[in-house]
Amino acid sequence: MKDLRINGSQLGDNRPLSSVCHSPDGKNAATSSWTGFAKIWDAKSLENIGTLKGHNDRVTCVAYHPREDPPLV
């Protein structure tokens, strides 16, 4: 292996991230993690703009509806 680049990290939560999904417009990203939270991030600044809570166990996947605006958090 001649070239290795790190294109992402798991600094989005205290426990491992389980999935990442970009919004249809590319402005936001959502992550899910083993903490049971889903978080919404600004894709450009990487700032957390909201946390969705309510699961008692791991959240294994997040997805955006292809025709809807990002969720309000």
C-alpha atoms as a PDB file:
ATOM      1  CA  MET A   1       0.000   0.000   0.000  1.00  0.00           C
ATOM      2  CA  LYS A   2       1.692   3.174  -1.178  1.00  0.00           C
ATOM      3  CA  ASP A   3      -0.931   5.771  -0.290  1.00  0.00           C
ATOM      4  CA  LEU A   4      -3.305   5.840   2.683  1.00  0.00           C
ATOM      5  CA  ARG A   5      -5.601   8.768   3.352  1.00  0.00           C
ATOM      6  CA  ILE A   6      -8.087   9.157   6.166  1.00  0.00           C
ATOM      7  CA  ASN A   7     -11.269  10.605   4.698  1.00  0.00           C
ATOM      8  CA  GLY A   8     -13.410  10.471   7.802  1.00  0.00           C
ATOM      9  CA  SER A   9     -13.434   9.753  11.488  1.00  0.00           C
ATOM     10  CA  GLN A  10     -15.680   8.544  14.248  1.00  0.00           C
ATOM     11  CA  LEU A  11     -15.523  11.695  16.314  1.00  0.00           C
ATOM     12  CA  GLY A  12     -19.275  12.211  15.942  1.00  0.00           C
ATOM     13  CA  ASP A  13     -20.230  10.464  19.176  1.00  0.00           C
ATOM     14  CA  ASN A  14     -18.948   8.773  22.330  1.00  0.00           C
ATOM     15  CA  ARG A  15     -19.563   5.298  20.897  1.00  0.00           C
ATOM     16  CA  PRO A  16     -18.968   3.925  17.378  1.00  0.00           C
ATOM     17  CA  LEU A  17     -20.874   5.411  14.458  1.00  0.00           C
ATOM     18  CA  SER A  18     -23.025   2.914  12.592  1.00  0.00           C
ATOM     19  CA  SER A  19     -23.970   4.892   9.475  1.00  0.00           C
ATOM     20  CA  VAL A  20     -23.697   8.220   7.669  1.00  0.00           C
ATOM     21  CA  CYS A  21     -26.038   9.644   5.041  1.00  0.00           C
ATOM     22  CA  HIS A  22     -25.902  12.944   3.141  1.00  0.00           C
ATOM     23  CA  SER A  23     -29.072  14.941   2.575  1.00  0.00           C
ATOM     24  CA  PRO A  24     -30.368  15.081  -1.019  1.00  0.00           C
ATOM     25  CA  ASP A  25     -29.214  18.715  -1.358  1.00  0.00           C
ATOM     26  CA  GLY A  26     -25.769  17.890   0.086  1.00  0.00           C
ATOM     27  CA  LYS A  27     -25.994  20.586   2.761  1.00  0.00           C
ATOM     28  CA  ASN A  28     -26.343  18.255   5.748  1.00  0.00           C
ATOM     29  CA  ALA A  29     -25.311  14.816   6.863  1.00  0.00           C
ATOM     30  CA  ALA A  30     -26.912  12.504   9.394  1.00  0.00           C
ATOM     31  CA  THR A  31     -25.068   9.990  11.546  1.00  0.00           C
ATOM     32  CA  SER A  32     -26.322   7.176  13.740  1.00  0.00           C
ATOM     33  CA  SER A  33     -24.419   5.566  16.563  1.00  0.00           C
ATOM     34  CA  TRP A  34     -24.390   2.947  19.257  1.00  0.00           C
ATOM     35  CA  THR A  35     -25.449   5.583  21.798  1.00  0.00           C
ATOM     36  CA  GLY A  36     -28.974   5.461  20.375  1.00  0.00           C
ATOM     37  CA  PHE A  37     -28.740   8.972  18.935  1.00  0.00           C
ATOM     38  CA  ALA A  38     -29.016  10.245  15.390  1.00  0.00           C
ATOM     39  CA  LYS A  39     -27.251  13.549  14.770  1.00  0.00           C
ATOM     40  CA  ILE A  40     -27.614  16.106  11.991  1.00  0.00           C
ATOM     41  CA  TRP A  41     -24.440  17.890  10.859  1.00  0.00           C
ATOM     42  CA  ASP A  42     -23.724  20.854   8.619  1.00  0.00           C
ATOM     43  CA  ALA A  43     -21.740  19.231   5.792  1.00  0.00           C
ATOM     44  CA  LYS A  44     -19.587  22.299   5.172  1.00  0.00           C
ATOM     45  CA  SER A  45     -18.668  23.380   8.718  1.00  0.00           C
ATOM     46  CA  LEU A  46     -19.063  19.904  10.313  1.00  0.00           C
ATOM     47  CA  GLU A  47     -20.979  21.489  13.209  1.00  0.00           C
ATOM     48  CA  ASN A  48     -23.663  19.461  14.966  1.00  0.00           C
ATOM     49  CA  ILE A  49     -26.956  21.241  14.287  1.00  0.00           C
ATOM     50  CA  GLY A  50     -29.215  18.790  16.106  1.00  0.00           C
ATOM     51  CA  THR A  51     -29.481  15.520  17.977  1.00  0.00           C
ATOM     52  CA  LEU A  52     -32.448  13.178  17.666  1.00  0.00           C
ATOM     53  CA  LYS A  53     -32.979  11.156  20.845  1.00  0.00           C
ATOM     54  CA  GLY A  54     -35.480   8.456  21.680  1.00  0.00           C
ATOM     55  CA  HIS A  55     -33.946   5.037  21.109  1.00  0.00           C
ATOM     56  CA  ASN A  56     -32.944   2.877  24.055  1.00  0.00           C
ATOM     57  CA  ASP A  57     -30.451   0.869  22.024  1.00  0.00           C
ATOM     58  CA  ARG A  58     -28.153   1.313  19.026  1.00  0.00           C
ATOM     59  CA  VAL A  59     -29.363   3.183  15.960  1.00  0.00           C
ATOM     60  CA  THR A  60     -28.009   1.151  13.059  1.00  0.00           C
ATOM     61  CA  CYS A  61     -28.999   3.245  10.027  1.00  0.00           C
ATOM     62  CA  VAL A  62     -30.104   6.728   8.984  1.00  0.00           C
ATOM     63  CA  ALA A  63     -31.600   7.846   5.676  1.00  0.00           C
ATOM     64  CA  TYR A  64     -33.105  10.938   4.104  1.00  0.00           C
ATOM     65  CA  HIS A  65     -36.250  10.852   2.032  1.00  0.00           C
ATOM     66  CA  PRO A  66     -35.133  11.806  -1.509  1.00  0.00           C
ATOM     67  CA  ARG A  67     -37.867  14.436  -1.919  1.00  0.00           C
ATOM     68  CA  GLU A  68     -38.093  15.973   1.544  1.00  0.00           C
ATOM     69  CA  ASP A  69     -36.185  18.785   3.180  1.00  0.00           C
ATOM     70  CA  PRO A  70     -33.834  17.848   6.028  1.00  0.00           C
ATOM     71  CA  PRO A  71     -35.663  17.236   9.318  1.00  0.00           C
ATOM     72  CA  LEU A  72     -36.131  20.044  11.791  1.00  0.00           C
ATOM     73  CA  VAL A  73     -34.222  19.382  14.987  1.00  0.00           C
END
